[in-house]
Amino acid sequence: MATNIITPEDLQTFKIELLEAIEKLLSQRQAGPMQRWLKSPQVRKLLNLSPGTLQNLRINGTLPFTKIGGVIFYDYQDIERILQERKANTESSPTKNQPRRS
């Protein structure tokens, strides 16, 4: 069985691809109306997250949610705000292995 080693460059490439995919989804959303409250499967599909990752975001307080009965709802505006905050944070701070932009 072959072993794959993930390098910092691989992670940086993945981060860039993920941000581009999120931006694409957001631009598509602006083309049409979006419902305000999303259920977990919709959020997972929108952000391409596993159920465990979405649960971790709830547990650590990163992603606010509302639970009614057994159904968890997420406010789309909260998701959009968090994406914008993360985008601003990643653009303003270079990674260790990344040279600073001039």
N, C-alpha and C. Protein backbone atom coordinates (compact mmCIF):
# COMPACT_ATOMS: atom_id res chain seq x y z
N MET A 1 0.85 -1.18 0.00
CA MET A 1 0.00 0.00 0.00
C MET A 1 0.89 1.24 0.00
N ALA A 2 0.65 2.13 -0.93
CA ALA A 2 1.46 3.33 -1.06
C ALA A 2 1.06 4.36 -0.02
N THR A 3 2.04 5.10 0.48
CA THR A 3 1.81 6.14 1.46
C THR A 3 1.90 7.49 0.76
N ASN A 4 0.89 8.31 0.96
CA ASN A 4 0.89 9.67 0.42
C ASN A 4 1.28 10.63 1.52
N ILE A 5 2.24 11.49 1.24
CA ILE A 5 2.68 12.50 2.20
C ILE A 5 2.13 13.84 1.74
N ILE A 6 1.46 14.51 2.66
CA ILE A 6 0.89 15.82 2.36
C ILE A 6 1.88 16.89 2.80
N THR A 7 2.26 17.72 1.86
CA THR A 7 3.23 18.78 2.14
C THR A 7 2.50 20.10 2.41
N PRO A 8 3.21 21.07 2.99
CA PRO A 8 2.59 22.39 3.19
C PRO A 8 2.11 23.01 1.87
N GLU A 9 2.83 22.74 0.79
CA GLU A 9 2.42 23.26 -0.51
C GLU A 9 1.10 22.63 -0.95
N ASP A 10 0.93 21.33 -0.67
CA ASP A 10 -0.33 20.66 -0.98
C ASP A 10 -1.48 21.31 -0.23
N LEU A 11 -1.26 21.61 1.04
CA LEU A 11 -2.30 22.24 1.85
C LEU A 11 -2.62 23.64 1.34
N GLN A 12 -1.59 24.38 0.95
CA GLN A 12 -1.80 25.73 0.42
C GLN A 12 -2.61 25.67 -0.87
N THR A 13 -2.27 24.72 -1.74
CA THR A 13 -3.01 24.55 -2.99
C THR A 13 -4.46 24.19 -2.71
N PHE A 14 -4.67 23.30 -1.75
CA PHE A 14 -6.03 22.90 -1.38
C PHE A 14 -6.82 24.10 -0.85
N LYS A 15 -6.16 24.92 -0.02
CA LYS A 15 -6.83 26.09 0.54
C LYS A 15 -7.27 27.04 -0.58
N ILE A 16 -6.39 27.26 -1.54
CA ILE A 16 -6.72 28.17 -2.64
C ILE A 16 -7.88 27.61 -3.46
N GLU A 17 -7.83 26.31 -3.76
CA GLU A 17 -8.91 25.69 -4.52
C GLU A 17 -10.23 25.77 -3.76
N LEU A 18 -10.18 25.55 -2.46
CA LEU A 18 -11.39 25.60 -1.64
C LEU A 18 -11.98 27.01 -1.62
N LEU A 19 -11.13 28.00 -1.44
CA LEU A 19 -11.62 29.39 -1.44
C LEU A 19 -12.22 29.77 -2.79
N GLU A 20 -11.59 29.31 -3.88
CA GLU A 20 -12.14 29.60 -5.21
C GLU A 20 -13.50 28.95 -5.39
N ALA A 21 -13.64 27.72 -4.90
CA ALA A 21 -14.93 27.03 -5.01
C ALA A 21 -16.00 27.74 -4.20
N ILE A 22 -15.63 28.21 -3.02
CA ILE A 22 -16.58 28.92 -2.17
C ILE A 22 -16.99 30.24 -2.82
N GLU A 23 -16.02 30.95 -3.38
CA GLU A 23 -16.33 32.21 -4.06
C GLU A 23 -17.25 31.96 -5.25
N LYS A 24 -17.02 30.87 -5.98
CA LYS A 24 -17.87 30.53 -7.12
C LYS A 24 -19.30 30.26 -6.65
N LEU A 25 -19.43 29.50 -5.56
CA LEU A 25 -20.76 29.23 -5.03
C LEU A 25 -21.46 30.51 -4.58
N LEU A 26 -20.70 31.39 -3.95
CA LEU A 26 -21.29 32.64 -3.49
C LEU A 26 -21.72 33.51 -4.67
N SER A 27 -20.93 33.53 -5.73
CA SER A 27 -21.30 34.34 -6.89
C SER A 27 -22.53 33.76 -7.58
N GLN A 28 -22.66 32.43 -7.59
CA GLN A 28 -23.86 31.80 -8.15
C GLN A 28 -25.07 32.13 -7.29
N ARG A 29 -24.87 32.19 -5.99
CA ARG A 29 -25.96 32.50 -5.08
C ARG A 29 -26.49 33.89 -5.34
N GLN A 30 -25.61 34.82 -5.67
CA GLN A 30 -26.04 36.19 -5.90
C GLN A 30 -26.91 36.31 -7.14
N ALA A 31 -26.82 35.31 -8.03
CA ALA A 31 -27.63 35.34 -9.24
C ALA A 31 -29.11 35.06 -8.94
N GLY A 32 -29.39 34.34 -7.89
CA GLY A 32 -30.77 34.00 -7.56
C GLY A 32 -31.01 34.11 -6.07
N PRO A 33 -32.28 34.08 -5.68
CA PRO A 33 -32.59 34.19 -4.25
C PRO A 33 -32.14 32.95 -3.48
N MET A 34 -31.70 33.15 -2.26
CA MET A 34 -31.25 32.06 -1.40
C MET A 34 -32.12 32.07 -0.16
N GLN A 35 -32.53 30.89 0.26
CA GLN A 35 -33.31 30.84 1.48
C GLN A 35 -32.42 31.20 2.66
N ARG A 36 -33.00 31.78 3.69
CA ARG A 36 -32.21 32.28 4.81
C ARG A 36 -31.71 31.17 5.72
N TRP A 37 -32.53 30.18 6.01
CA TRP A 37 -32.15 29.12 6.94
C TRP A 37 -31.83 27.84 6.18
N LEU A 38 -30.67 27.27 6.47
CA LEU A 38 -30.22 26.06 5.80
C LEU A 38 -30.12 24.92 6.80
N LYS A 39 -30.43 23.71 6.35
CA LYS A 39 -30.26 22.52 7.18
C LYS A 39 -28.85 21.99 6.99
N SER A 40 -28.44 21.10 7.89
CA SER A 40 -27.08 20.56 7.87
C SER A 40 -26.66 20.00 6.51
N PRO A 41 -27.48 19.17 5.84
CA PRO A 41 -27.05 18.64 4.54
C PRO A 41 -26.79 19.74 3.51
N GLN A 42 -27.57 20.81 3.56
CA GLN A 42 -27.37 21.92 2.63
C GLN A 42 -26.06 22.64 2.91
N VAL A 43 -25.75 22.84 4.19
CA VAL A 43 -24.51 23.51 4.57
C VAL A 43 -23.31 22.64 4.20
N ARG A 44 -23.42 21.34 4.45
CA ARG A 44 -22.32 20.43 4.11
C ARG A 44 -22.05 20.45 2.61
N LYS A 45 -23.10 20.47 1.81
CA LYS A 45 -22.94 20.50 0.36
C LYS A 45 -22.36 21.84 -0.08
N LEU A 46 -22.85 22.92 0.49
CA LEU A 46 -22.40 24.26 0.13
C LEU A 46 -20.92 24.45 0.42
N LEU A 47 -20.46 23.95 1.58
CA LEU A 47 -19.07 24.14 2.00
C LEU A 47 -18.20 22.92 1.76
N ASN A 48 -18.79 21.86 1.23
CA ASN A 48 -18.06 20.62 0.98
C ASN A 48 -17.42 20.09 2.26
N LEU A 49 -18.23 19.94 3.30
CA LEU A 49 -17.76 19.49 4.60
C LEU A 49 -18.31 18.11 4.93
N SER A 50 -17.56 17.38 5.72
CA SER A 50 -18.06 16.11 6.24
C SER A 50 -18.98 16.40 7.42
N PRO A 51 -19.83 15.43 7.79
CA PRO A 51 -20.69 15.65 8.96
C PRO A 51 -19.89 15.95 10.23
N GLY A 52 -18.75 15.28 10.40
CA GLY A 52 -17.93 15.50 11.59
C GLY A 52 -17.34 16.90 11.64
N THR A 53 -16.89 17.40 10.50
CA THR A 53 -16.33 18.75 10.45
C THR A 53 -17.40 19.79 10.78
N LEU A 54 -18.59 19.60 10.23
CA LEU A 54 -19.68 20.52 10.53
C LEU A 54 -20.02 20.48 12.01
N GLN A 55 -20.02 19.30 12.59
CA GLN A 55 -20.28 19.17 14.03
C GLN A 55 -19.20 19.88 14.83
N ASN A 56 -17.93 19.75 14.43
CA ASN A 56 -16.85 20.44 15.13
C ASN A 56 -17.02 21.96 15.06
N LEU A 57 -17.47 22.47 13.92
CA LEU A 57 -17.70 23.91 13.80
C LEU A 57 -18.81 24.37 14.75
N ARG A 58 -19.81 23.51 14.96
CA ARG A 58 -20.86 23.84 15.93
C ARG A 58 -20.31 23.80 17.35
N ILE A 59 -19.58 22.74 17.67
CA ILE A 59 -19.08 22.53 19.03
C ILE A 59 -18.14 23.65 19.46
N ASN A 60 -17.21 24.02 18.57
CA ASN A 60 -16.23 25.04 18.98
C ASN A 60 -16.75 26.47 18.82
N GLY A 61 -18.01 26.61 18.41
CA GLY A 61 -18.63 27.93 18.35
C GLY A 61 -18.32 28.73 17.10
N THR A 62 -17.67 28.12 16.13
CA THR A 62 -17.33 28.82 14.90
C THR A 62 -18.58 29.13 14.07
N LEU A 63 -19.50 28.17 14.04
CA LEU A 63 -20.70 28.33 13.23
C LEU A 63 -21.95 28.29 14.12
N PRO A 64 -22.59 29.45 14.32
CA PRO A 64 -23.81 29.48 15.14
C PRO A 64 -24.92 28.66 14.48
N PHE A 65 -25.79 28.11 15.31
CA PHE A 65 -26.89 27.30 14.79
C PHE A 65 -28.09 27.42 15.71
N THR A 66 -29.23 26.99 15.20
CA THR A 66 -30.47 26.93 15.97
C THR A 66 -31.02 25.52 15.82
N LYS A 67 -31.41 24.94 16.94
CA LYS A 67 -31.96 23.58 16.89
C LYS A 67 -33.43 23.64 17.29
N ILE A 68 -34.27 23.16 16.39
CA ILE A 68 -35.71 23.10 16.65
C ILE A 68 -36.11 21.64 16.51
N GLY A 69 -36.55 21.08 17.62
CA GLY A 69 -36.81 19.64 17.62
C GLY A 69 -35.49 18.92 17.42
N GLY A 70 -35.41 18.08 16.43
CA GLY A 70 -34.16 17.39 16.13
C GLY A 70 -33.46 17.95 14.92
N VAL A 71 -33.94 19.08 14.39
CA VAL A 71 -33.39 19.64 13.16
C VAL A 71 -32.52 20.85 13.49
N ILE A 72 -31.31 20.86 12.92
CA ILE A 72 -30.39 21.98 13.14
C ILE A 72 -30.45 22.89 11.92
N PHE A 73 -30.62 24.19 12.19
CA PHE A 73 -30.67 25.19 11.14
C PHE A 73 -29.50 26.16 11.29
N TYR A 74 -29.00 26.64 10.15
CA TYR A 74 -27.91 27.62 10.11
C TYR A 74 -28.39 28.83 9.33
N ASP A 75 -28.10 29.99 9.85
CA ASP A 75 -28.45 31.23 9.16
C ASP A 75 -27.43 31.46 8.04
N TYR A 76 -27.91 31.62 6.83
CA TYR A 76 -27.02 31.80 5.69
C TYR A 76 -26.12 33.02 5.87
N GLN A 77 -26.64 34.05 6.49
CA GLN A 77 -25.85 35.27 6.71
C GLN A 77 -24.66 34.99 7.63
N ASP A 78 -24.83 34.09 8.62
CA ASP A 78 -23.72 33.71 9.49
C ASP A 78 -22.64 32.99 8.70
N ILE A 79 -23.05 32.10 7.81
CA ILE A 79 -22.09 31.36 6.98
C ILE A 79 -21.33 32.33 6.09
N GLU A 80 -22.04 33.24 5.46
CA GLU A 80 -21.40 34.22 4.58
C GLU A 80 -20.43 35.11 5.36
N ARG A 81 -20.83 35.54 6.56
CA ARG A 81 -19.97 36.40 7.39
C ARG A 81 -18.68 35.66 7.78
N ILE A 82 -18.81 34.40 8.18
CA ILE A 82 -17.64 33.62 8.58
C ILE A 82 -16.70 33.42 7.41
N LEU A 83 -17.25 33.15 6.22
CA LEU A 83 -16.41 32.99 5.04
C LEU A 83 -15.64 34.27 4.74
N GLN A 84 -16.31 35.41 4.85
CA GLN A 84 -15.64 36.68 4.60
C GLN A 84 -14.55 36.96 5.64
N GLU A 85 -14.83 36.64 6.91
CA GLU A 85 -13.82 36.83 7.96
C GLU A 85 -12.61 35.96 7.71
N ARG A 86 -12.84 34.70 7.37
CA ARG A 86 -11.73 33.77 7.12
C ARG A 86 -10.94 34.20 5.89
N LYS A 87 -11.65 34.68 4.88
CA LYS A 87 -10.97 35.14 3.67
C LYS A 87 -10.07 36.33 4.00
N ALA A 88 -10.59 37.26 4.78
CA ALA A 88 -9.80 38.43 5.17
C ALA A 88 -8.59 38.01 5.99
N ASN A 89 -8.76 37.05 6.91
CA ASN A 89 -7.65 36.59 7.74
C ASN A 89 -6.58 35.88 6.93
N THR A 90 -6.96 35.06 5.96
CA THR A 90 -5.97 34.32 5.19
C THR A 90 -5.24 35.23 4.21
N GLU A 91 -5.91 36.26 3.72
CA GLU A 91 -5.26 37.17 2.78
C GLU A 91 -4.28 38.10 3.48
N SER A 92 -4.54 38.44 4.73
CA SER A 92 -3.70 39.41 5.42
C SER A 92 -2.50 38.79 6.12
N SER A 93 -2.49 37.47 6.32
CA SER A 93 -1.37 36.84 7.01
C SER A 93 -0.74 35.75 6.15
N PRO A 94 0.51 35.97 5.71
CA PRO A 94 1.17 34.95 4.89
C PRO A 94 1.51 33.72 5.72
N THR A 95 1.57 32.57 5.07
CA THR A 95 1.94 31.35 5.77
C THR A 95 3.44 31.30 5.93
N LYS A 96 3.91 30.38 6.77
CA LYS A 96 5.34 30.27 7.06
C LYS A 96 6.17 30.05 5.80
N ASN A 97 5.72 29.17 4.94
CA ASN A 97 6.49 28.80 3.77
C ASN A 97 6.20 29.67 2.56
N GLN A 98 5.37 30.65 2.71
CA GLN A 98 4.96 31.49 1.60
C GLN A 98 5.69 32.83 1.68
N PRO A 99 6.36 33.26 0.61
CA PRO A 99 7.02 34.58 0.65
C PRO A 99 5.98 35.69 0.69
N ARG A 100 6.35 36.78 1.31
CA ARG A 100 5.44 37.92 1.40
C ARG A 100 5.28 38.55 0.02
N ARG A 101 4.06 39.03 -0.24
CA ARG A 101 3.79 39.71 -1.51
C ARG A 101 4.21 41.16 -1.39
N SER A 102 4.74 41.69 -2.47
CA SER A 102 5.17 43.09 -2.47
C SER A 102 4.16 43.96 -3.13
